PDB file of N, CA and C in Angstrom:
ATOM      1  N   UNK A   1      72.578  56.844 130.469  1.00  0.00           N
ATOM      2  CA  UNK A   1      71.497  57.748 130.790  1.00  0.00           C
ATOM      3  C   UNK A   1      71.909  59.176 130.466  1.00  0.00           C
ATOM      4  N   UNK A   2      71.044  59.907 129.804  1.00  0.00           N
ATOM      5  CA  UNK A   2      71.321  61.308 129.553  1.00  0.00           C
ATOM      6  C   UNK A   2      70.019  62.083 129.639  1.00  0.00           C
ATOM      7  N   UNK A   3      70.148  63.375 129.732  1.00  0.00           N
ATOM      8  CA  UNK A   3      68.970  64.216 129.831  1.00  0.00           C
ATOM      9  C   UNK A   3      69.111  65.201 130.966  1.00  0.00           C
ATOM     10  N   UNK A   4      68.011  65.862 131.254  1.00  0.00           N
ATOM     11  CA  UNK A   4      68.022  66.827 132.343  1.00  0.00           C
ATOM     12  C   UNK A   4      68.166  66.090 133.670  1.00  0.00           C
ATOM     13  N   UNK A   5      68.838  66.712 134.647  1.00  0.00           N
ATOM     14  CA  UNK A   5      69.099  66.021 135.915  1.00  0.00           C
ATOM     15  C   UNK A   5      67.844  65.451 136.588  1.00  0.00           C
ATOM     16  N   UNK A   6      66.757  66.215 136.614  1.00  0.00           N
ATOM     17  CA  UNK A   6      65.554  65.705 137.272  1.00  0.00           C
ATOM     18  C   UNK A   6      64.931  64.544 136.495  1.00  0.00           C
ATOM     19  N   UNK A   7      65.080  64.546 135.171  1.00  0.00           N
ATOM     20  CA  UNK A   7      64.597  63.415 134.369  1.00  0.00           C
ATOM     21  C   UNK A   7      65.409  62.162 134.670  1.00  0.00           C
ATOM     22  N   UNK A   8      66.708  62.338 134.855  1.00  0.00           N
ATOM     23  CA  UNK A   8      67.571  61.199 135.186  1.00  0.00           C
ATOM     24  C   UNK A   8      67.198  60.645 136.557  1.00  0.00           C
ATOM     25  N   UNK A   9      66.958  61.538 137.531  1.00  0.00           N
ATOM     26  CA  UNK A   9      66.535  61.072 138.856  1.00  0.00           C
ATOM     27  C   UNK A   9      65.204  60.341 138.779  1.00  0.00           C
ATOM     28  N   UNK A  10      64.274  60.864 138.007  1.00  0.00           N
ATOM     29  CA  UNK A  10      62.960  60.204 137.862  1.00  0.00           C
ATOM     30  C   UNK A  10      63.126  58.791 137.323  1.00  0.00           C
ATOM     31  N   UNK A  11      64.005  58.639 136.340  1.00  0.00           N
ATOM     32  CA  UNK A  11      64.238  57.319 135.750  1.00  0.00           C
ATOM     33  C   UNK A  11      64.906  56.367 136.739  1.00  0.00           C
ATOM     34  N   UNK A  12      65.615  56.906 137.736  1.00  0.00           N
ATOM     35  CA  UNK A  12      66.350  56.081 138.698  1.00  0.00           C
ATOM     36  C   UNK A  12      65.524  55.720 139.935  1.00  0.00           C
ATOM     37  N   UNK A  13      64.306  56.242 140.065  1.00  0.00           N
ATOM     38  CA  UNK A  13      63.466  55.901 141.222  1.00  0.00           C
ATOM     39  C   UNK A  13      63.300  54.382 141.278  1.00  0.00           C
ATOM     40  N   UNK A  14      63.542  53.820 142.435  1.00  0.00           N
ATOM     41  CA  UNK A  14      63.422  52.377 142.623  1.00  0.00           C
ATOM     42  C   UNK A  14      64.709  51.612 142.362  1.00  0.00           C
ATOM     43  N   UNK A  15      65.723  52.280 141.836  1.00  0.00           N
ATOM     44  CA  UNK A  15      67.008  51.640 141.560  1.00  0.00           C
ATOM     45  C   UNK A  15      67.970  51.853 142.720  1.00  0.00           C
ATOM     46  N   UNK A  16      68.915  50.944 142.852  1.00  0.00           N
ATOM     47  CA  UNK A  16      69.973  51.107 143.852  1.00  0.00           C
ATOM     48  C   UNK A  16      70.981  52.104 143.306  1.00  0.00           C
ATOM     49  N   UNK A  17      71.310  53.109 144.119  1.00  0.00           N
ATOM     50  CA  UNK A  17      72.246  54.160 143.718  1.00  0.00           C
ATOM     51  C   UNK A  17      73.294  54.364 144.806  1.00  0.00           C
ATOM     52  N   UNK A  18      74.409  54.979 144.410  1.00  0.00           N
ATOM     53  CA  UNK A  18      75.422  55.440 145.348  1.00  0.00           C
ATOM     54  C   UNK A  18      75.424  56.950 145.282  1.00  0.00           C
ATOM     55  N   UNK A  19      75.231  57.592 146.430  1.00  0.00           N
ATOM     56  CA  UNK A  19      75.232  59.044 146.513  1.00  0.00           C
ATOM     57  C   UNK A  19      76.524  59.456 147.215  1.00  0.00           C
ATOM     58  N   UNK A  20      77.362  60.219 146.514  1.00  0.00           N
ATOM     59  CA  UNK A  20      78.633  60.692 147.069  1.00  0.00           C
ATOM     60  C   UNK A  20      78.460  62.154 147.485  1.00  0.00           C
ATOM     61  N   UNK A  21      78.895  62.463 148.719  1.00  0.00           N
ATOM     62  CA  UNK A  21      78.752  63.805 149.267  1.00  0.00           C
ATOM     63  C   UNK A  21      80.062  64.577 149.195  1.00  0.00           C
ATOM     64  N   UNK A  22      79.975  65.891 149.386  1.00  0.00           N
ATOM     65  CA  UNK A  22      81.152  66.763 149.338  1.00  0.00           C
ATOM     66  C   UNK A  22      82.237  66.331 150.310  1.00  0.00           C
ATOM     67  N   UNK A  23      81.841  65.824 151.489  1.00  0.00           N
ATOM     68  CA  UNK A  23      82.829  65.435 152.496  1.00  0.00           C
ATOM     69  C   UNK A  23      83.424  64.043 152.247  1.00  0.00           C
ATOM     70  N   UNK A  24      83.037  63.411 151.136  1.00  0.00           N
ATOM     71  CA  UNK A  24      83.570  62.104 150.790  1.00  0.00           C
ATOM     72  C   UNK A  24      82.724  60.940 151.255  1.00  0.00           C
ATOM     73  N   UNK A  25      81.753  61.193 152.102  1.00  0.00           N
ATOM     74  CA  UNK A  25      80.871  60.131 152.582  1.00  0.00           C
ATOM     75  C   UNK A  25      80.014  59.616 151.434  1.00  0.00           C
ATOM     76  N   UNK A  26      79.684  58.323 151.477  1.00  0.00           N
ATOM     77  CA  UNK A  26      78.837  57.719 150.453  1.00  0.00           C
ATOM     78  C   UNK A  26      77.666  57.004 151.107  1.00  0.00           C
ATOM     79  N   UNK A  27      76.521  57.092 150.461  1.00  0.00           N
ATOM     80  CA  UNK A  27      75.327  56.366 150.879  1.00  0.00           C
ATOM     81  C   UNK A  27      74.924  55.463 149.725  1.00  0.00           C
ATOM     82  N   UNK A  28      74.647  54.196 150.032  1.00  0.00           N
ATOM     83  CA  UNK A  28      74.191  53.245 149.020  1.00  0.00           C
ATOM     84  C   UNK A  28      72.819  52.756 149.442  1.00  0.00           C
ATOM     85  N   UNK A  29      71.874  52.800 148.523  1.00  0.00           N
ATOM     86  CA  UNK A  29      70.532  52.331 148.820  1.00  0.00           C
ATOM     87  C   UNK A  29      69.618  52.585 147.640  1.00  0.00           C
ATOM     88  N   UNK A  30      68.345  52.338 147.857  1.00  0.00           N
ATOM     89  CA  UNK A  30      67.342  52.522 146.818  1.00  0.00           C
ATOM     90  C   UNK A  30      66.877  53.967 146.818  1.00  0.00           C
ATOM     91  N   UNK A  31      66.918  54.599 145.662  1.00  0.00           N
ATOM     92  CA  UNK A  31      66.420  55.963 145.520  1.00  0.00           C
ATOM     93  C   UNK A  31      64.897  55.911 145.540  1.00  0.00           C
ATOM     94  N   UNK A  32      64.299  56.523 146.564  1.00  0.00           N
ATOM     95  CA  UNK A  32      62.845  56.466 146.691  1.00  0.00           C
ATOM     96  C   UNK A  32      62.166  57.811 146.507  1.00  0.00           C
ATOM     97  N   UNK A  33      62.952  58.895 146.419  1.00  0.00           N
ATOM     98  CA  UNK A  33      62.340  60.192 146.198  1.00  0.00           C
ATOM     99  C   UNK A  33      63.360  61.284 145.985  1.00  0.00           C
ATOM    100  N   UNK A  34      62.880  62.419 145.470  1.00  0.00           N
ATOM    101  CA  UNK A  34      63.709  63.594 145.242  1.00  0.00           C
ATOM    102  C   UNK A  34      62.771  64.784 145.068  1.00  0.00           C
ATOM    103  N   UNK A  35      63.340  65.999 145.063  1.00  0.00           N
ATOM    104  CA  UNK A  35      62.538  67.178 144.777  1.00  0.00           C
ATOM    105  C   UNK A  35      63.283  68.099 143.819  1.00  0.00           C
ATOM    106  N   UNK A  36      62.709  69.264 143.541  1.00  0.00           N
ATOM    107  CA  UNK A  36      63.285  70.172 142.551  1.00  0.00           C
ATOM    108  C   UNK A  36      64.637  70.732 142.967  1.00  0.00           C
ATOM    109  N   UNK A  37      64.995  70.621 144.260  1.00  0.00           N
ATOM    110  CA  UNK A  37      66.299  71.082 144.748  1.00  0.00           C
ATOM    111  C   UNK A  37      67.333  69.957 144.725  1.00  0.00           C
ATOM    112  N   UNK A  38      66.933  68.816 144.193  1.00  0.00           N
ATOM    113  CA  UNK A  38      67.752  67.610 144.131  1.00  0.00           C
ATOM    114  C   UNK A  38      68.070  67.056 145.516  1.00  0.00           C
ATOM    115  N   UNK A  39      67.232  67.392 146.509  1.00  0.00           N
ATOM    116  CA  UNK A  39      67.276  66.664 147.772  1.00  0.00           C
ATOM    117  C   UNK A  39      66.819  65.251 147.431  1.00  0.00           C
ATOM    118  N   UNK A  40      67.463  64.243 147.999  1.00  0.00           N
ATOM    119  CA  UNK A  40      67.125  62.866 147.653  1.00  0.00           C
ATOM    120  C   UNK A  40      66.826  62.048 148.903  1.00  0.00           C
ATOM    121  N   UNK A  41      66.006  61.035 148.708  1.00  0.00           N
ATOM    122  CA  UNK A  41      65.691  60.076 149.762  1.00  0.00           C
ATOM    123  C   UNK A  41      66.248  58.727 149.324  1.00  0.00           C
ATOM    124  N   UNK A  42      67.115  58.156 150.172  1.00  0.00           N
ATOM    125  CA  UNK A  42      67.746  56.872 149.890  1.00  0.00           C
ATOM    126  C   UNK A  42      67.406  55.931 151.036  1.00  0.00           C
ATOM    127  N   UNK A  43      66.904  54.753 150.697  1.00  0.00           N
ATOM    128  CA  UNK A  43      66.550  53.754 151.712  1.00  0.00           C
ATOM    129  C   UNK A  43      67.404  52.516 151.530  1.00  0.00           C
ATOM    130  N   UNK A  44      67.858  51.966 152.682  1.00  0.00           N
ATOM    131  CA  UNK A  44      68.500  50.657 152.654  1.00  0.00           C
ATOM    132  C   UNK A  44      67.667  49.752 153.550  1.00  0.00           C
ATOM    133  N   UNK A  45      68.191  48.610 153.939  1.00  0.00           N
ATOM    134  CA  UNK A  45      67.413  47.647 154.710  1.00  0.00           C
ATOM    135  C   UNK A  45      66.894  48.220 156.026  1.00  0.00           C
ATOM    136  N   UNK A  46      67.702  49.037 156.691  1.00  0.00           N
ATOM    137  CA  UNK A  46      67.362  49.485 158.035  1.00  0.00           C
ATOM    138  C   UNK A  46      67.043  50.968 158.145  1.00  0.00           C
ATOM    139  N   UNK A  47      67.467  51.794 157.175  1.00  0.00           N
ATOM    140  CA  UNK A  47      67.402  53.241 157.336  1.00  0.00           C
ATOM    141  C   UNK A  47      66.797  53.943 156.135  1.00  0.00           C
ATOM    142  N   UNK A  48      66.194  55.080 156.427  1.00  0.00           N
ATOM    143  CA  UNK A  48      65.805  56.022 155.389  1.00  0.00           C
ATOM    144  C   UNK A  48      66.624  57.278 155.620  1.00  0.00           C
ATOM    145  N   UNK A  49      67.336  57.726 154.585  1.00  0.00           N
ATOM    146  CA  UNK A  49      68.203  58.892 154.695  1.00  0.00           C
ATOM    147  C   UNK A  49      67.738  59.954 153.715  1.00  0.00           C
ATOM    148  N   UNK A  50      67.556  61.171 154.214  1.00  0.00           N
ATOM    149  CA  UNK A  50      67.235  62.316 153.373  1.00  0.00           C
ATOM    150  C   UNK A  50      68.511  63.137 153.244  1.00  0.00           C
ATOM    151  N   UNK A  51      68.936  63.360 152.019  1.00  0.00           N
ATOM    152  CA  UNK A  51      70.199  64.055 151.765  1.00  0.00           C
ATOM    153  C   UNK A  51      69.905  65.369 151.064  1.00  0.00           C
ATOM    154  N   UNK A  52      70.408  66.439 151.636  1.00  0.00           N
ATOM    155  CA  UNK A  52      70.219  67.772 151.063  1.00  0.00           C
ATOM    156  C   UNK A  52      70.987  67.885 149.746  1.00  0.00           C
ATOM    157  N   UNK A  53      70.338  68.376 148.732  1.00  0.00           N
ATOM    158  CA  UNK A  53      70.903  68.412 147.388  1.00  0.00           C
ATOM    159  C   UNK A  53      72.204  69.188 147.269  1.00  0.00           C
ATOM    160  N   UNK A  54      72.389  70.247 148.076  1.00  0.00           N
ATOM    161  CA  UNK A  54      73.616  71.029 147.923  1.00  0.00           C
ATOM    162  C   UNK A  54      74.842  70.329 148.498  1.00  0.00           C
ATOM    163  N   UNK A  55      74.659  69.176 149.142  1.00  0.00           N
ATOM    164  CA  UNK A  55      75.784  68.372 149.638  1.00  0.00           C
ATOM    165  C   UNK A  55      76.196  67.269 148.665  1.00  0.00           C
ATOM    166  N   UNK A  56      75.387  67.046 147.632  1.00  0.00           N
ATOM    167  CA  UNK A  56      75.602  65.920 146.705  1.00  0.00           C
ATOM    168  C   UNK A  56      76.611  66.299 145.633  1.00  0.00           C
ATOM    169  N   UNK A  57      77.603  65.419 145.452  1.00  0.00           N
ATOM    170  CA  UNK A  57      78.576  65.576 144.374  1.00  0.00           C
ATOM    171  C   UNK A  57      78.147  64.730 143.185  1.00  0.00           C
ATOM    172  N   UNK A  58      77.721  63.481 143.451  1.00  0.00           N
ATOM    173  CA  UNK A  58      77.293  62.604 142.354  1.00  0.00           C
ATOM    174  C   UNK A  58      76.298  61.567 142.848  1.00  0.00           C
ATOM    175  N   UNK A  59      75.492  61.094 141.909  1.00  0.00           N
ATOM    176  CA  UNK A  59      74.557  59.986 142.146  1.00  0.00           C
ATOM    177  C   UNK A  59      74.814  58.999 141.025  1.00  0.00           C
ATOM    178  N   UNK A  60      75.227  57.781 141.407  1.00  0.00           N
ATOM    179  CA  UNK A  60      75.632  56.775 140.426  1.00  0.00           C
ATOM    180  C   UNK A  60      74.773  55.540 140.574  1.00  0.00           C
ATOM    181  N   UNK A  61      74.236  55.025 139.453  1.00  0.00           N
ATOM    182  CA  UNK A  61      73.459  53.773 139.537  1.00  0.00           C
ATOM    183  C   UNK A  61      74.354  52.575 139.787  1.00  0.00           C
TER     184      UNK A  61
END
């Protein structure tokens, strides 16, 4: 995948991703949303997590 970051996020909607944060914590789930600040919404079986974009180090499919 290549392109602008928001285009890559758009292409990943509905896919399972791993979001790694600055503090080393990782969230794994389905990417269900994002905004222009790269805040992301990740859902797993039991939880919906909204992650502030300035805490994100990487998002991996």
